[in-house]
Amino acid sequence: FFQGDMDKMGRVIGRTLINTTIGLGGMFDVAKKGFGIEDVNEDLDQALGFYGVPAGPYFVLPLLGPTTMRGLVGRAGGSFLSPTFHFAPSVEVGAGITVSDKINDASFILDDKKQLEDSTVDEYESMKDFYNQYRFGLVNE
């Protein structure tokens, strides 16, 4: 919505309506499997980048992983738009869900991380370069 991309906005609204009704409150991804509506990988960091906000310095946060200053602002702002923020019974439960999601996401890239460790001289610089290129690609998609 913030980027003015009507195609992606339509997909997000369609997926939300289908998955919350037919998908039993979002427990199942009926929109993709039954209707062929692909997920949209967008966040507030990408919207800020779309409007030319510079990424800023790169750093790594404990439990949350790599980010930039723009990414941190985007993540903080995006957390207020998250259903976890609004529907979790407490802040602790919401934080636990968020951290467990990040740990789960990280578990899918362990092999890539190991390969990076084995093939680079400076792992931090390589990760920084990879992360910045990845986020740049998402912003310019």
C-alpha atoms as a PDB file:
ATOM      1  CA  PHE A   1       0.000   0.000   0.000  1.00  0.00           C
ATOM      2  CA  PHE A   2       2.738   2.486   0.977  1.00  0.00           C
ATOM      3  CA  GLN A   3       4.572   1.826  -2.293  1.00  0.00           C
ATOM      4  CA  GLY A   4       1.472   2.275  -4.457  1.00  0.00           C
ATOM      5  CA  ASP A   5       1.814  -1.179  -6.041  1.00  0.00           C
ATOM      6  CA  MET A   6      -1.800  -2.131  -6.727  1.00  0.00           C
ATOM      7  CA  ASP A   7      -0.953  -5.678  -7.865  1.00  0.00           C
ATOM      8  CA  LYS A   8       0.831  -6.566  -4.624  1.00  0.00           C
ATOM      9  CA  MET A   9      -1.775  -4.744  -2.544  1.00  0.00           C
ATOM     10  CA  GLY A  10      -4.544  -6.736  -4.248  1.00  0.00           C
ATOM     11  CA  ARG A  11      -2.714  -9.997  -3.601  1.00  0.00           C
ATOM     12  CA  VAL A  12      -2.241  -9.149   0.088  1.00  0.00           C
ATOM     13  CA  ILE A  13      -5.907  -8.229   0.531  1.00  0.00           C
ATOM     14  CA  GLY A  14      -7.041 -11.299  -1.424  1.00  0.00           C
ATOM     15  CA  ARG A  15      -4.777 -13.640   0.528  1.00  0.00           C
ATOM     16  CA  THR A  16      -5.911 -12.116   3.825  1.00  0.00           C
ATOM     17  CA  LEU A  17      -9.602 -12.494   3.016  1.00  0.00           C
ATOM     18  CA  ILE A  18      -9.257 -16.042   1.687  1.00  0.00           C
ATOM     19  CA  ASN A  19      -6.917 -17.343   4.387  1.00  0.00           C
ATOM     20  CA  THR A  20      -8.848 -15.815   7.294  1.00  0.00           C
ATOM     21  CA  THR A  21     -12.176 -17.211   6.081  1.00  0.00           C
ATOM     22  CA  ILE A  22     -11.557 -20.456   4.204  1.00  0.00           C
ATOM     23  CA  GLY A  23      -8.135 -21.000   5.811  1.00  0.00           C
ATOM     24  CA  LEU A  24      -9.606 -21.057   9.332  1.00  0.00           C
ATOM     25  CA  GLY A  25      -8.237 -17.766  10.568  1.00  0.00           C
ATOM     26  CA  GLY A  26      -4.987 -18.079   8.659  1.00  0.00           C
ATOM     27  CA  MET A  27      -4.011 -21.524   9.900  1.00  0.00           C
ATOM     28  CA  PHE A  28      -3.881 -22.805   6.315  1.00  0.00           C
ATOM     29  CA  ASP A  29      -2.579 -21.113   3.154  1.00  0.00           C
ATOM     30  CA  VAL A  30      -5.641 -21.769   1.003  1.00  0.00           C
ATOM     31  CA  ALA A  31      -4.957 -18.690  -1.145  1.00  0.00           C
ATOM     32  CA  LYS A  32      -1.757 -20.194  -2.554  1.00  0.00           C
ATOM     33  CA  LYS A  33      -2.758 -23.841  -2.753  1.00  0.00           C
ATOM     34  CA  GLY A  34      -6.359 -23.423  -3.850  1.00  0.00           C
ATOM     35  CA  PHE A  35      -6.346 -20.116  -5.717  1.00  0.00           C
ATOM     36  CA  GLY A  36      -2.730 -19.735  -6.866  1.00  0.00           C
ATOM     37  CA  ILE A  37      -2.259 -16.333  -5.203  1.00  0.00           C
ATOM     38  CA  GLU A  38       1.455 -16.044  -4.384  1.00  0.00           C
ATOM     39  CA  ASP A  39       2.658 -14.501  -1.120  1.00  0.00           C
ATOM     40  CA  VAL A  40       4.081 -10.980  -1.139  1.00  0.00           C
ATOM     41  CA  ASN A  41       7.443 -10.420   0.548  1.00  0.00           C
ATOM     42  CA  GLU A  42       7.169  -6.769   1.556  1.00  0.00           C
ATOM     43  CA  ASP A  43       7.903  -4.901   4.752  1.00  0.00           C
ATOM     44  CA  LEU A  44       8.190  -1.353   6.038  1.00  0.00           C
ATOM     45  CA  ASP A  45      11.963  -1.359   5.428  1.00  0.00           C
ATOM     46  CA  GLN A  46      11.303  -1.888   1.718  1.00  0.00           C
ATOM     47  CA  ALA A  47       8.692   0.881   1.673  1.00  0.00           C
ATOM     48  CA  LEU A  48      11.168   3.301   3.270  1.00  0.00           C
ATOM     49  CA  GLY A  49      13.814   2.244   0.745  1.00  0.00           C
ATOM     50  CA  PHE A  50      11.311   2.797  -2.082  1.00  0.00           C
ATOM     51  CA  TYR A  51      11.071   6.438  -1.003  1.00  0.00           C
ATOM     52  CA  GLY A  52      14.844   6.845  -0.925  1.00  0.00           C
ATOM     53  CA  VAL A  53      15.541   6.529   2.793  1.00  0.00           C
ATOM     54  CA  PRO A  54      19.176   5.345   3.024  1.00  0.00           C
ATOM     55  CA  ALA A  55      19.855   1.987   4.664  1.00  0.00           C
ATOM     56  CA  GLY A  56      22.314   3.386   7.194  1.00  0.00           C
ATOM     57  CA  PRO A  57      24.857   1.367   9.138  1.00  0.00           C
ATOM     58  CA  TYR A  58      24.744  -2.431   9.230  1.00  0.00           C
ATOM     59  CA  PHE A  59      24.753  -4.290  12.544  1.00  0.00           C
ATOM     60  CA  VAL A  60      23.717  -7.633  14.013  1.00  0.00           C
ATOM     61  CA  LEU A  61      21.193  -7.829  16.852  1.00  0.00           C
ATOM     62  CA  PRO A  62      21.130 -10.725  19.303  1.00  0.00           C
ATOM     63  CA  LEU A  63      18.271 -13.141  18.490  1.00  0.00           C
ATOM     64  CA  LEU A  64      16.989 -10.924  15.646  1.00  0.00           C
ATOM     65  CA  GLY A  65      19.997 -11.135  13.348  1.00  0.00           C
ATOM     66  CA  PRO A  66      21.387  -8.745  10.736  1.00  0.00           C
ATOM     67  CA  THR A  67      19.761  -5.406   9.971  1.00  0.00           C
ATOM     68  CA  THR A  68      20.447  -1.785   9.127  1.00  0.00           C
ATOM     69  CA  MET A  69      19.198   1.380  10.801  1.00  0.00           C
ATOM     70  CA  ARG A  70      16.389   1.635   8.223  1.00  0.00           C
ATOM     71  CA  GLY A  71      15.640  -2.047   8.782  1.00  0.00           C
ATOM     72  CA  LEU A  72      15.439  -1.507  12.536  1.00  0.00           C
ATOM     73  CA  VAL A  73      12.988   1.375  12.102  1.00  0.00           C
ATOM     74  CA  GLY A  74      11.027  -0.697   9.585  1.00  0.00           C
ATOM     75  CA  ARG A  75      10.969  -3.691  11.902  1.00  0.00           C
ATOM     76  CA  ALA A  76       9.792  -1.567  14.848  1.00  0.00           C
ATOM     77  CA  GLY A  77       7.076   0.087  12.773  1.00  0.00           C
ATOM     78  CA  GLY A  78       6.091  -3.203  11.187  1.00  0.00           C
ATOM     79  CA  SER A  79       5.700  -4.832  14.585  1.00  0.00           C
ATOM     80  CA  PHE A  80       2.797  -2.461  15.302  1.00  0.00           C
ATOM     81  CA  LEU A  81       1.107  -3.737  12.130  1.00  0.00           C
ATOM     82  CA  SER A  82       1.603  -7.378  13.108  1.00  0.00           C
ATOM     83  CA  PRO A  83      -1.323  -9.475  14.373  1.00  0.00           C
ATOM     84  CA  THR A  84       1.047 -10.819  17.037  1.00  0.00           C
ATOM     85  CA  PHE A  85       1.307  -7.313  18.517  1.00  0.00           C
ATOM     86  CA  HIS A  86      -2.444  -6.835  18.642  1.00  0.00           C
ATOM     87  CA  PHE A  87      -3.669 -10.298  19.606  1.00  0.00           C
ATOM     88  CA  ALA A  88      -0.971 -11.763  21.865  1.00  0.00           C
ATOM     89  CA  PRO A  89      -2.206 -12.021  25.459  1.00  0.00           C
ATOM     90  CA  SER A  90       0.871 -10.180  26.761  1.00  0.00           C
ATOM     91  CA  VAL A  91       4.058  -8.478  25.608  1.00  0.00           C
ATOM     92  CA  GLU A  92       6.106 -11.451  26.782  1.00  0.00           C
ATOM     93  CA  VAL A  93       4.052 -13.903  24.712  1.00  0.00           C
ATOM     94  CA  GLY A  94       4.285 -11.641  21.642  1.00  0.00           C
ATOM     95  CA  ALA A  95       8.052 -11.305  22.070  1.00  0.00           C
ATOM     96  CA  GLY A  96       8.366 -15.066  22.493  1.00  0.00           C
ATOM     97  CA  ILE A  97       6.432 -15.696  19.295  1.00  0.00           C
ATOM     98  CA  THR A  98       8.569 -13.179  17.394  1.00  0.00           C
ATOM     99  CA  VAL A  99      11.851 -14.635  18.646  1.00  0.00           C
ATOM    100  CA  SER A 100      10.726 -18.211  17.957  1.00  0.00           C
ATOM    101  CA  ASP A 101       9.762 -17.179  14.400  1.00  0.00           C
ATOM    102  CA  LYS A 102      13.243 -15.709  13.904  1.00  0.00           C
ATOM    103  CA  ILE A 103      14.899 -18.852  15.256  1.00  0.00           C
ATOM    104  CA  ASN A 104      12.729 -20.966  12.957  1.00  0.00           C
ATOM    105  CA  ASP A 105      13.661 -18.787   9.961  1.00  0.00           C
ATOM    106  CA  ALA A 106      17.347 -19.087  10.857  1.00  0.00           C
ATOM    107  CA  SER A 107      17.108 -22.873  11.016  1.00  0.00           C
ATOM    108  CA  PHE A 108      16.392 -22.965   7.279  1.00  0.00           C
ATOM    109  CA  ILE A 109      19.683 -21.256   6.392  1.00  0.00           C
ATOM    110  CA  LEU A 110      22.099 -23.156   8.640  1.00  0.00           C
ATOM    111  CA  ASP A 111      23.674 -25.002   5.712  1.00  0.00           C
ATOM    112  CA  ASP A 112      24.190 -21.716   3.846  1.00  0.00           C
ATOM    113  CA  LYS A 113      25.761 -20.175   6.957  1.00  0.00           C
ATOM    114  CA  LYS A 114      28.128 -23.119   7.336  1.00  0.00           C
ATOM    115  CA  GLN A 115      29.101 -22.831   3.671  1.00  0.00           C
ATOM    116  CA  LEU A 116      29.770 -19.109   4.150  1.00  0.00           C
ATOM    117  CA  GLU A 117      31.960 -19.820   7.194  1.00  0.00           C
ATOM    118  CA  ASP A 118      33.995 -22.377   5.238  1.00  0.00           C
ATOM    119  CA  SER A 119      34.472 -20.284   2.106  1.00  0.00           C
ATOM    120  CA  THR A 120      35.288 -16.786   3.347  1.00  0.00           C
ATOM    121  CA  VAL A 121      38.147 -15.051   5.071  1.00  0.00           C
ATOM    122  CA  ASP A 122      36.015 -12.391   6.772  1.00  0.00           C
ATOM    123  CA  GLU A 123      32.618 -13.846   7.622  1.00  0.00           C
ATOM    124  CA  TYR A 124      31.225 -10.549   8.987  1.00  0.00           C
ATOM    125  CA  GLU A 125      32.059  -8.588   5.838  1.00  0.00           C
ATOM    126  CA  SER A 126      30.711 -11.353   3.604  1.00  0.00           C
ATOM    127  CA  MET A 127      27.452 -11.515   5.549  1.00  0.00           C
ATOM    128  CA  LYS A 128      27.183  -7.728   5.513  1.00  0.00           C
ATOM    129  CA  ASP A 129      27.688  -7.641   1.741  1.00  0.00           C
ATOM    130  CA  PHE A 130      25.204 -10.479   1.153  1.00  0.00           C
ATOM    131  CA  TYR A 131      22.570  -8.906   3.425  1.00  0.00           C
ATOM    132  CA  ASN A 132      22.885  -5.450   1.844  1.00  0.00           C
ATOM    133  CA  GLN A 133      22.657  -6.888  -1.682  1.00  0.00           C
ATOM    134  CA  TYR A 134      19.654  -9.013  -0.711  1.00  0.00           C
ATOM    135  CA  ARG A 135      17.768  -6.075   0.824  1.00  0.00           C
ATOM    136  CA  PHE A 136      18.721  -3.824  -2.129  1.00  0.00           C
ATOM    137  CA  GLY A 137      17.223  -6.420  -4.460  1.00  0.00           C
ATOM    138  CA  LEU A 138      13.996  -6.564  -2.440  1.00  0.00           C
ATOM    139  CA  VAL A 139      13.638  -2.774  -2.423  1.00  0.00           C
ATOM    140  CA  ASN A 140      14.185  -2.560  -6.200  1.00  0.00           C
ATOM    141  CA  GLU A 141      11.958  -5.545  -7.062  1.00  0.00           C
END
